[in-house]
Amino acid sequence: FVLIDGNRCPELPMPSDSVVKGDLRVAEISAASILAKVCRDNEMKELDKLYPDFGFAKHKGYPTKLHFEMLAKYGPTPQHRQSFKPVQNALANC
């Protein structure tokens, strides 16, 4: 059984349920959230080595002023999510 933080579940091949504010209410969701953040931060540090001008180690991929400035200056990397509006805008301006 899978518990998902949020108000809806994706289709999964096993039973699941969503829990609004699950990271505050369910210890397992809280732990998974922490592990996911640590993994994401580590991935951003690795991306920072590939794209040092972007500052991934600093902003961790979050939509900060620095990240938007680098996106405007250099355009998106292959790792940027193409569905994200600022990335679409940067692609349109390239």
PDB file of N, CA and C in Angstrom:
ATOM      1  N   PHE A   1       0.848  -1.181   0.000  1.00  0.00           N
ATOM      2  CA  PHE A   1       0.000   0.000   0.000  1.00  0.00           C
ATOM      3  C   PHE A   1       0.888   1.238   0.000  1.00  0.00           C
ATOM      4  N   VAL A   2       0.555   2.221  -0.835  1.00  0.00           N
ATOM      5  CA  VAL A   2       1.369   3.425  -0.974  1.00  0.00           C
ATOM      6  C   VAL A   2       0.588   4.637  -0.486  1.00  0.00           C
ATOM      7  N   LEU A   3       1.223   5.436   0.357  1.00  0.00           N
ATOM      8  CA  LEU A   3       0.645   6.709   0.785  1.00  0.00           C
ATOM      9  C   LEU A   3       1.344   7.826   0.023  1.00  0.00           C
ATOM     10  N   ILE A   4       0.561   8.722  -0.531  1.00  0.00           N
ATOM     11  CA  ILE A   4       1.069   9.827  -1.336  1.00  0.00           C
ATOM     12  C   ILE A   4       0.757  11.134  -0.626  1.00  0.00           C
ATOM     13  N   ASP A   5       1.754  12.004  -0.515  1.00  0.00           N
ATOM     14  CA  ASP A   5       1.533  13.324   0.069  1.00  0.00           C
ATOM     15  C   ASP A   5       0.806  14.189  -0.954  1.00  0.00           C
ATOM     16  N   GLY A   6      -0.338  14.717  -0.586  1.00  0.00           N
ATOM     17  CA  GLY A   6      -1.085  15.575  -1.500  1.00  0.00           C
ATOM     18  C   GLY A   6      -2.560  15.238  -1.496  1.00  0.00           C
ATOM     19  N   ASN A   7      -3.258  15.754  -2.506  1.00  0.00           N
ATOM     20  CA  ASN A   7      -4.704  15.538  -2.546  1.00  0.00           C
ATOM     21  C   ASN A   7      -5.147  14.630  -3.684  1.00  0.00           C
ATOM     22  N   ARG A   8      -4.205  14.018  -4.392  1.00  0.00           N
ATOM     23  CA  ARG A   8      -4.571  13.058  -5.435  1.00  0.00           C
ATOM     24  C   ARG A   8      -3.435  12.059  -5.636  1.00  0.00           C
ATOM     25  N   CYS A   9      -3.790  10.904  -6.157  1.00  0.00           N
ATOM     26  CA  CYS A   9      -2.810   9.843  -6.400  1.00  0.00           C
ATOM     27  C   CYS A   9      -2.646   9.624  -7.897  1.00  0.00           C
ATOM     28  N   PRO A  10      -1.424   9.377  -8.318  1.00  0.00           N
ATOM     29  CA  PRO A  10      -1.254   8.936  -9.706  1.00  0.00           C
ATOM     30  C   PRO A  10      -1.738   7.493  -9.818  1.00  0.00           C
ATOM     31  N   GLU A  11      -1.961   7.039 -11.033  1.00  0.00           N
ATOM     32  CA  GLU A  11      -2.329   5.635 -11.208  1.00  0.00           C
ATOM     33  C   GLU A  11      -1.100   4.787 -10.921  1.00  0.00           C
ATOM     34  N   LEU A  12      -1.253   3.856 -10.008  1.00  0.00           N
ATOM     35  CA  LEU A  12      -0.157   2.974  -9.615  1.00  0.00           C
ATOM     36  C   LEU A  12      -0.610   1.528  -9.744  1.00  0.00           C
ATOM     37  N   PRO A  13       0.330   0.598  -9.884  1.00  0.00           N
ATOM     38  CA  PRO A  13      -0.038  -0.810 -10.002  1.00  0.00           C
ATOM     39  C   PRO A  13      -0.325  -1.473  -8.653  1.00  0.00           C
ATOM     40  N   MET A  14      -0.466  -0.667  -7.608  1.00  0.00           N
ATOM     41  CA  MET A  14      -0.782  -1.206  -6.288  1.00  0.00           C
ATOM     42  C   MET A  14      -1.748  -0.245  -5.601  1.00  0.00           C
ATOM     43  N   PRO A  15      -2.407  -0.699  -4.534  1.00  0.00           N
ATOM     44  CA  PRO A  15      -3.335   0.189  -3.824  1.00  0.00           C
ATOM     45  C   PRO A  15      -2.602   1.408  -3.262  1.00  0.00           C
ATOM     46  N   SER A  16      -3.290   2.544  -3.269  1.00  0.00           N
ATOM     47  CA  SER A  16      -2.679   3.766  -2.762  1.00  0.00           C
ATOM     48  C   SER A  16      -3.756   4.709  -2.244  1.00  0.00           C
ATOM     49  N   ASP A  17      -3.306   5.696  -1.491  1.00  0.00           N
ATOM     50  CA  ASP A  17      -4.215   6.727  -0.991  1.00  0.00           C
ATOM     51  C   ASP A  17      -3.416   8.007  -0.823  1.00  0.00           C
ATOM     52  N   SER A  18      -4.079   9.134  -1.013  1.00  0.00           N
ATOM     53  CA  SER A  18      -3.417  10.420  -0.812  1.00  0.00           C
ATOM     54  C   SER A  18      -3.707  10.920   0.594  1.00  0.00           C
ATOM     55  N   VAL A  19      -2.765  11.668   1.145  1.00  0.00           N
ATOM     56  CA  VAL A  19      -2.903  12.243   2.482  1.00  0.00           C
ATOM     57  C   VAL A  19      -2.533  13.724   2.378  1.00  0.00           C
ATOM     58  N   VAL A  20      -3.527  14.589   2.546  1.00  0.00           N
ATOM     59  CA  VAL A  20      -3.258  16.019   2.523  1.00  0.00           C
ATOM     60  C   VAL A  20      -2.370  16.363   3.710  1.00  0.00           C
ATOM     61  N   LYS A  21      -1.301  17.118   3.445  1.00  0.00           N
ATOM     62  CA  LYS A  21      -0.291  17.448   4.456  1.00  0.00           C
ATOM     63  C   LYS A  21       0.319  16.180   5.058  1.00  0.00           C
ATOM     64  N   GLY A  22       0.492  15.180   4.202  1.00  0.00           N
ATOM     65  CA  GLY A  22       1.016  13.898   4.645  1.00  0.00           C
ATOM     66  C   GLY A  22       2.391  13.985   5.272  1.00  0.00           C
ATOM     67  N   ASP A  23       3.213  14.932   4.805  1.00  0.00           N
ATOM     68  CA  ASP A  23       4.552  15.066   5.387  1.00  0.00           C
ATOM     69  C   ASP A  23       4.496  15.555   6.829  1.00  0.00           C
ATOM     70  N   LEU A  24       3.375  16.125   7.239  1.00  0.00           N
ATOM     71  CA  LEU A  24       3.197  16.547   8.635  1.00  0.00           C
ATOM     72  C   LEU A  24       2.463  15.506   9.470  1.00  0.00           C
ATOM     73  N   ARG A  25       1.692  14.641   8.805  1.00  0.00           N
ATOM     74  CA  ARG A  25       0.795  13.732   9.519  1.00  0.00           C
ATOM     75  C   ARG A  25       1.242  12.275   9.557  1.00  0.00           C
ATOM     76  N   VAL A  26       2.112  11.880   8.633  1.00  0.00           N
ATOM     77  CA  VAL A  26       2.506  10.469   8.526  1.00  0.00           C
ATOM     78  C   VAL A  26       4.033  10.388   8.557  1.00  0.00           C
ATOM     79  N   ALA A  27       4.562   9.683   9.546  1.00  0.00           N
ATOM     80  CA  ALA A  27       6.018   9.613   9.738  1.00  0.00           C
ATOM     81  C   ALA A  27       6.736   9.066   8.505  1.00  0.00           C
ATOM     82  N   GLU A  28       6.156   8.059   7.858  1.00  0.00           N
ATOM     83  CA  GLU A  28       6.806   7.464   6.687  1.00  0.00           C
ATOM     84  C   GLU A  28       6.891   8.456   5.525  1.00  0.00           C
ATOM     85  N   ILE A  29       5.844   9.261   5.358  1.00  0.00           N
ATOM     86  CA  ILE A  29       5.875  10.277   4.306  1.00  0.00           C
ATOM     87  C   ILE A  29       6.910  11.340   4.657  1.00  0.00           C
ATOM     88  N   SER A  30       6.982  11.722   5.923  1.00  0.00           N
ATOM     89  CA  SER A  30       7.991  12.695   6.368  1.00  0.00           C
ATOM     90  C   SER A  30       9.396  12.191   6.066  1.00  0.00           C
ATOM     91  N   ALA A  31       9.653  10.937   6.399  1.00  0.00           N
ATOM     92  CA  ALA A  31      10.978  10.353   6.163  1.00  0.00           C
ATOM     93  C   ALA A  31      11.285  10.299   4.670  1.00  0.00           C
ATOM     94  N   ALA A  32      10.306   9.884   3.873  1.00  0.00           N
ATOM     95  CA  ALA A  32      10.511   9.817   2.425  1.00  0.00           C
ATOM     96  C   ALA A  32      10.788  11.203   1.849  1.00  0.00           C
ATOM     97  N   SER A  33      10.124  12.205   2.386  1.00  0.00           N
ATOM     98  CA  SER A  33      10.332  13.579   1.930  1.00  0.00           C
ATOM     99  C   SER A  33      11.759  14.045   2.209  1.00  0.00           C
ATOM    100  N   ILE A  34      12.265  13.718   3.380  1.00  0.00           N
ATOM    101  CA  ILE A  34      13.642  14.086   3.738  1.00  0.00           C
ATOM    102  C   ILE A  34      14.637  13.366   2.833  1.00  0.00           C
ATOM    103  N   LEU A  35      14.428  12.064   2.628  1.00  0.00           N
ATOM    104  CA  LEU A  35      15.324  11.303   1.750  1.00  0.00           C
ATOM    105  C   LEU A  35      15.301  11.852   0.328  1.00  0.00           C
ATOM    106  N   ALA A  36      14.119  12.195  -0.159  1.00  0.00           N
ATOM    107  CA  ALA A  36      14.004  12.745  -1.512  1.00  0.00           C
ATOM    108  C   ALA A  36      14.746  14.074  -1.626  1.00  0.00           C
ATOM    109  N   LYS A  37      14.647  14.909  -0.604  1.00  0.00           N
ATOM    110  CA  LYS A  37      15.334  16.205  -0.639  1.00  0.00           C
ATOM    111  C   LYS A  37      16.850  16.015  -0.629  1.00  0.00           C
ATOM    112  N   VAL A  38      17.340  15.097   0.180  1.00  0.00           N
ATOM    113  CA  VAL A  38      18.781  14.825   0.214  1.00  0.00           C
ATOM    114  C   VAL A  38      19.250  14.315  -1.153  1.00  0.00           C
ATOM    115  N   CYS A  39      18.481  13.403  -1.756  1.00  0.00           N
ATOM    116  CA  CYS A  39      18.840  12.893  -3.086  1.00  0.00           C
ATOM    117  C   CYS A  39      18.838  14.017  -4.116  1.00  0.00           C
ATOM    118  N   ARG A  40      17.809  14.861  -4.069  1.00  0.00           N
ATOM    119  CA  ARG A  40      17.725  15.980  -5.015  1.00  0.00           C
ATOM    120  C   ARG A  40      18.915  16.921  -4.833  1.00  0.00           C
ATOM    121  N   ASP A  41      19.243  17.250  -3.587  1.00  0.00           N
ATOM    122  CA  ASP A  41      20.377  18.141  -3.329  1.00  0.00           C
ATOM    123  C   ASP A  41      21.670  17.550  -3.878  1.00  0.00           C
ATOM    124  N   ASN A  42      21.849  16.240  -3.706  1.00  0.00           N
ATOM    125  CA  ASN A  42      23.049  15.581  -4.244  1.00  0.00           C
ATOM    126  C   ASN A  42      23.065  15.615  -5.770  1.00  0.00           C
ATOM    127  N   GLU A  43      21.899  15.410  -6.392  1.00  0.00           N
ATOM    128  CA  GLU A  43      21.813  15.500  -7.848  1.00  0.00           C
ATOM    129  C   GLU A  43      22.160  16.909  -8.324  1.00  0.00           C
ATOM    130  N   MET A  44      21.707  17.913  -7.589  1.00  0.00           N
ATOM    131  CA  MET A  44      22.000  19.299  -7.966  1.00  0.00           C
ATOM    132  C   MET A  44      23.499  19.599  -7.844  1.00  0.00           C
ATOM    133  N   LYS A  45      24.156  19.009  -6.854  1.00  0.00           N
ATOM    134  CA  LYS A  45      25.607  19.192  -6.722  1.00  0.00           C
ATOM    135  C   LYS A  45      26.334  18.579  -7.918  1.00  0.00           C
ATOM    136  N   GLU A  46      25.849  17.431  -8.391  1.00  0.00           N
ATOM    137  CA  GLU A  46      26.444  16.801  -9.573  1.00  0.00           C
ATOM    138  C   GLU A  46      26.182  17.641 -10.823  1.00  0.00           C
ATOM    139  N   LEU A  47      24.967  18.179 -10.948  1.00  0.00           N
ATOM    140  CA  LEU A  47      24.664  19.053 -12.082  1.00  0.00           C
ATOM    141  C   LEU A  47      25.532  20.302 -12.055  1.00  0.00           C
ATOM    142  N   ASP A  48      25.839  20.771 -10.851  1.00  0.00           N
ATOM    143  CA  ASP A  48      26.686  21.951 -10.708  1.00  0.00           C
ATOM    144  C   ASP A  48      28.074  21.701 -11.299  1.00  0.00           C
ATOM    145  N   LYS A  49      28.541  20.461 -11.228  1.00  0.00           N
ATOM    146  CA  LYS A  49      29.840  20.126 -11.824  1.00  0.00           C
ATOM    147  C   LYS A  49      29.768  20.174 -13.353  1.00  0.00           C
ATOM    148  N   LEU A  50      28.625  19.768 -13.909  1.00  0.00           N
ATOM    149  CA  LEU A  50      28.449  19.784 -15.363  1.00  0.00           C
ATOM    150  C   LEU A  50      28.185  21.190 -15.897  1.00  0.00           C
ATOM    151  N   TYR A  51      27.473  21.991 -15.107  1.00  0.00           N
ATOM    152  CA  TYR A  51      27.075  23.342 -15.519  1.00  0.00           C
ATOM    153  C   TYR A  51      27.430  24.328 -14.409  1.00  0.00           C
ATOM    154  N   PRO A  52      28.714  24.587 -14.191  1.00  0.00           N
ATOM    155  CA  PRO A  52      29.128  25.413 -13.049  1.00  0.00           C
ATOM    156  C   PRO A  52      28.594  26.844 -13.082  1.00  0.00           C
ATOM    157  N   ASP A  53      28.323  27.376 -14.257  1.00  0.00           N
ATOM    158  CA  ASP A  53      27.815  28.748 -14.338  1.00  0.00           C
ATOM    159  C   ASP A  53      26.380  28.887 -13.836  1.00  0.00           C
ATOM    160  N   PHE A  54      25.653  27.787 -13.759  1.00  0.00           N
ATOM    161  CA  PHE A  54      24.245  27.839 -13.377  1.00  0.00           C
ATOM    162  C   PHE A  54      24.004  28.004 -11.881  1.00  0.00           C
ATOM    163  N   GLY A  55      24.950  27.593 -11.057  1.00  0.00           N
ATOM    164  CA  GLY A  55      24.769  27.731  -9.613  1.00  0.00           C
ATOM    165  C   GLY A  55      23.827  26.711  -8.998  1.00  0.00           C
ATOM    166  N   PHE A  56      23.727  25.527  -9.603  1.00  0.00           N
ATOM    167  CA  PHE A  56      22.819  24.506  -9.069  1.00  0.00           C
ATOM    168  C   PHE A  56      23.129  24.144  -7.619  1.00  0.00           C
ATOM    169  N   ALA A  57      24.406  24.139  -7.240  1.00  0.00           N
ATOM    170  CA  ALA A  57      24.761  23.802  -5.853  1.00  0.00           C
ATOM    171  C   ALA A  57      24.203  24.835  -4.881  1.00  0.00           C
ATOM    172  N   LYS A  58      23.986  26.040  -5.361  1.00  0.00           N
ATOM    173  CA  LYS A  58      23.466  27.098  -4.495  1.00  0.00           C
ATOM    174  C   LYS A  58      21.938  27.091  -4.439  1.00  0.00           C
ATOM    175  N   HIS A  59      21.277  27.123  -5.603  1.00  0.00           N
ATOM    176  CA  HIS A  59      19.808  27.234  -5.596  1.00  0.00           C
ATOM    177  C   HIS A  59      19.091  25.894  -5.643  1.00  0.00           C
ATOM    178  N   LYS A  60      19.828  24.812  -5.836  1.00  0.00           N
ATOM    179  CA  LYS A  60      19.295  23.445  -5.828  1.00  0.00           C
ATOM    180  C   LYS A  60      18.147  23.218  -6.821  1.00  0.00           C
ATOM    181  N   GLY A  61      18.095  24.040  -7.863  1.00  0.00           N
ATOM    182  CA  GLY A  61      17.054  23.868  -8.870  1.00  0.00           C
ATOM    183  C   GLY A  61      15.743  24.544  -8.535  1.00  0.00           C
ATOM    184  N   TYR A  62      15.676  25.178  -7.379  1.00  0.00           N
ATOM    185  CA  TYR A  62      14.440  25.874  -7.006  1.00  0.00           C
ATOM    186  C   TYR A  62      14.331  27.177  -7.792  1.00  0.00           C
ATOM    187  N   PRO A  63      13.115  27.687  -7.969  1.00  0.00           N
ATOM    188  CA  PRO A  63      12.909  28.886  -8.794  1.00  0.00           C
ATOM    189  C   PRO A  63      13.317  30.177  -8.083  1.00  0.00           C
ATOM    190  N   THR A  64      14.605  30.330  -7.867  1.00  0.00           N
ATOM    191  CA  THR A  64      15.131  31.522  -7.199  1.00  0.00           C
ATOM    192  C   THR A  64      15.477  32.591  -8.237  1.00  0.00           C
ATOM    193  N   LYS A  65      15.741  33.779  -7.763  1.00  0.00           N
ATOM    194  CA  LYS A  65      16.153  34.867  -8.650  1.00  0.00           C
ATOM    195  C   LYS A  65      17.413  34.476  -9.424  1.00  0.00           C
ATOM    196  N   LEU A  66      18.396  33.894  -8.716  1.00  0.00           N
ATOM    197  CA  LEU A  66      19.637  33.464  -9.363  1.00  0.00           C
ATOM    198  C   LEU A  66      19.354  32.449 -10.468  1.00  0.00           C
ATOM    199  N   HIS A  67      18.506  31.466 -10.177  1.00  0.00           N
ATOM    200  CA  HIS A  67      18.203  30.436 -11.167  1.00  0.00           C
ATOM    201  C   HIS A  67      17.563  31.063 -12.404  1.00  0.00           C
ATOM    202  N   PHE A  68      16.604  31.964 -12.201  1.00  0.00           N
ATOM    203  CA  PHE A  68      15.957  32.618 -13.339  1.00  0.00           C
ATOM    204  C   PHE A  68      16.954  33.463 -14.135  1.00  0.00           C
ATOM    205  N   GLU A  69      17.862  34.120 -13.435  1.00  0.00           N
ATOM    206  CA  GLU A  69      18.880  34.925 -14.127  1.00  0.00           C
ATOM    207  C   GLU A  69      19.779  34.044 -14.990  1.00  0.00           C
ATOM    208  N   MET A  70      20.197  32.903 -14.450  1.00  0.00           N
ATOM    209  CA  MET A  70      21.067  31.995 -15.204  1.00  0.00           C
ATOM    210  C   MET A  70      20.314  31.362 -16.371  1.00  0.00           C
ATOM    211  N   LEU A  71      19.050  31.071 -16.160  1.00  0.00           N
ATOM    212  CA  LEU A  71      18.219  30.518 -17.226  1.00  0.00           C
ATOM    213  C   LEU A  71      18.103  31.521 -18.379  1.00  0.00           C
ATOM    214  N   ALA A  72      17.901  32.788 -18.043  1.00  0.00           N
ATOM    215  CA  ALA A  72      17.810  33.832 -19.071  1.00  0.00           C
ATOM    216  C   ALA A  72      19.156  34.034 -19.767  1.00  0.00           C
ATOM    217  N   LYS A  73      20.236  33.951 -19.012  1.00  0.00           N
ATOM    218  CA  LYS A  73      21.570  34.206 -19.567  1.00  0.00           C
ATOM    219  C   LYS A  73      22.067  33.064 -20.451  1.00  0.00           C
ATOM    220  N   TYR A  74      21.897  31.807 -19.986  1.00  0.00           N
ATOM    221  CA  TYR A  74      22.484  30.660 -20.668  1.00  0.00           C
ATOM    222  C   TYR A  74      21.483  29.775 -21.403  1.00  0.00           C
ATOM    223  N   GLY A  75      20.192  29.975 -21.148  1.00  0.00           N
ATOM    224  CA  GLY A  75      19.194  29.071 -21.706  1.00  0.00           C
ATOM    225  C   GLY A  75      19.133  27.796 -20.884  1.00  0.00           C
ATOM    226  N   PRO A  76      18.124  26.966 -21.118  1.00  0.00           N
ATOM    227  CA  PRO A  76      17.964  25.745 -20.316  1.00  0.00           C
ATOM    228  C   PRO A  76      18.990  24.672 -20.668  1.00  0.00           C
ATOM    229  N   THR A  77      19.296  23.856 -19.681  1.00  0.00           N
ATOM    230  CA  THR A  77      20.129  22.676 -19.896  1.00  0.00           C
ATOM    231  C   THR A  77      19.212  21.531 -20.330  1.00  0.00           C
ATOM    232  N   PRO A  78      19.763  20.431 -20.806  1.00  0.00           N
ATOM    233  CA  PRO A  78      18.919  19.276 -21.137  1.00  0.00           C
ATOM    234  C   PRO A  78      18.155  18.733 -19.922  1.00  0.00           C
ATOM    235  N   GLN A  79      18.637  19.032 -18.712  1.00  0.00           N
ATOM    236  CA  GLN A  79      17.983  18.533 -17.504  1.00  0.00           C
ATOM    237  C   GLN A  79      16.801  19.401 -17.072  1.00  0.00           C
ATOM    238  N   HIS A  80      16.669  20.586 -17.615  1.00  0.00           N
ATOM    239  CA  HIS A  80      15.540  21.435 -17.233  1.00  0.00           C
ATOM    240  C   HIS A  80      14.226  20.820 -17.725  1.00  0.00           C
ATOM    241  N   ARG A  81      13.202  20.957 -16.907  1.00  0.00           N
ATOM    242  CA  ARG A  81      11.874  20.434 -17.232  1.00  0.00           C
ATOM    243  C   ARG A  81      11.241  21.343 -18.288  1.00  0.00           C
ATOM    244  N   GLN A  82      11.012  20.787 -19.470  1.00  0.00           N
ATOM    245  CA  GLN A  82      10.512  21.566 -20.600  1.00  0.00           C
ATOM    246  C   GLN A  82       9.104  22.119 -20.376  1.00  0.00           C
ATOM    247  N   SER A  83       8.341  21.514 -19.478  1.00  0.00           N
ATOM    248  CA  SER A  83       6.972  21.974 -19.226  1.00  0.00           C
ATOM    249  C   SER A  83       6.921  23.170 -18.275  1.00  0.00           C
ATOM    250  N   PHE A  84       8.051  23.538 -17.672  1.00  0.00           N
ATOM    251  CA  PHE A  84       8.104  24.651 -16.716  1.00  0.00           C
ATOM    252  C   PHE A  84       8.100  25.962 -17.500  1.00  0.00           C
ATOM    253  N   LYS A  85       7.150  26.836 -17.192  1.00  0.00           N
ATOM    254  CA  LYS A  85       6.942  28.064 -17.971  1.00  0.00           C
ATOM    255  C   LYS A  85       8.220  28.896 -18.156  1.00  0.00           C
ATOM    256  N   PRO A  86       9.026  29.143 -17.110  1.00  0.00           N
ATOM    257  CA  PRO A  86      10.262  29.902 -17.342  1.00  0.00           C
ATOM    258  C   PRO A  86      11.219  29.215 -18.323  1.00  0.00           C
ATOM    259  N   VAL A  87      11.217  27.897 -18.355  1.00  0.00           N
ATOM    260  CA  VAL A  87      12.055  27.176 -19.321  1.00  0.00           C
ATOM    261  C   VAL A  87      11.496  27.386 -20.725  1.00  0.00           C
ATOM    262  N   GLN A  88      10.174  27.307 -20.871  1.00  0.00           N
ATOM    263  CA  GLN A  88       9.560  27.562 -22.174  1.00  0.00           C
ATOM    264  C   GLN A  88       9.889  28.976 -22.656  1.00  0.00           C
ATOM    265  N   ASN A  89       9.828  29.942 -21.736  1.00  0.00           N
ATOM    266  CA  ASN A  89      10.161  31.327 -22.093  1.00  0.00           C
ATOM    267  C   ASN A  89      11.618  31.449 -22.531  1.00  0.00           C
ATOM    268  N   ALA A  90      12.515  30.782 -21.808  1.00  0.00           N
ATOM    269  CA  ALA A  90      13.933  30.827 -22.163  1.00  0.00           C
ATOM    270  C   ALA A  90      14.167  30.191 -23.533  1.00  0.00           C
ATOM    271  N   LEU A  91      13.472  29.098 -23.815  1.00  0.00           N
ATOM    272  CA  LEU A  91      13.607  28.449 -25.119  1.00  0.00           C
ATOM    273  C   LEU A  91      13.091  29.351 -26.237  1.00  0.00           C
ATOM    274  N   ALA A  92      12.019  30.071 -25.962  1.00  0.00           N
ATOM    275  CA  ALA A  92      11.443  30.966 -26.970  1.00  0.00           C
ATOM    276  C   ALA A  92      12.380  32.127 -27.287  1.00  0.00           C
ATOM    277  N   ASN A  93      13.226  32.492 -26.311  1.00  0.00           N
ATOM    278  CA  ASN A  93      14.137  33.623 -26.495  1.00  0.00           C
ATOM    279  C   ASN A  93      15.513  33.221 -27.010  1.00  0.00           C
ATOM    280  N   CYS A  94      15.725  31.920 -27.227  1.00  0.00           N
ATOM    281  CA  CYS A  94      17.037  31.459 -27.714  1.00  0.00           C
ATOM    282  C   CYS A  94      17.156  31.646 -29.208  1.00  0.00           C
TER     283      CYS A  94
END
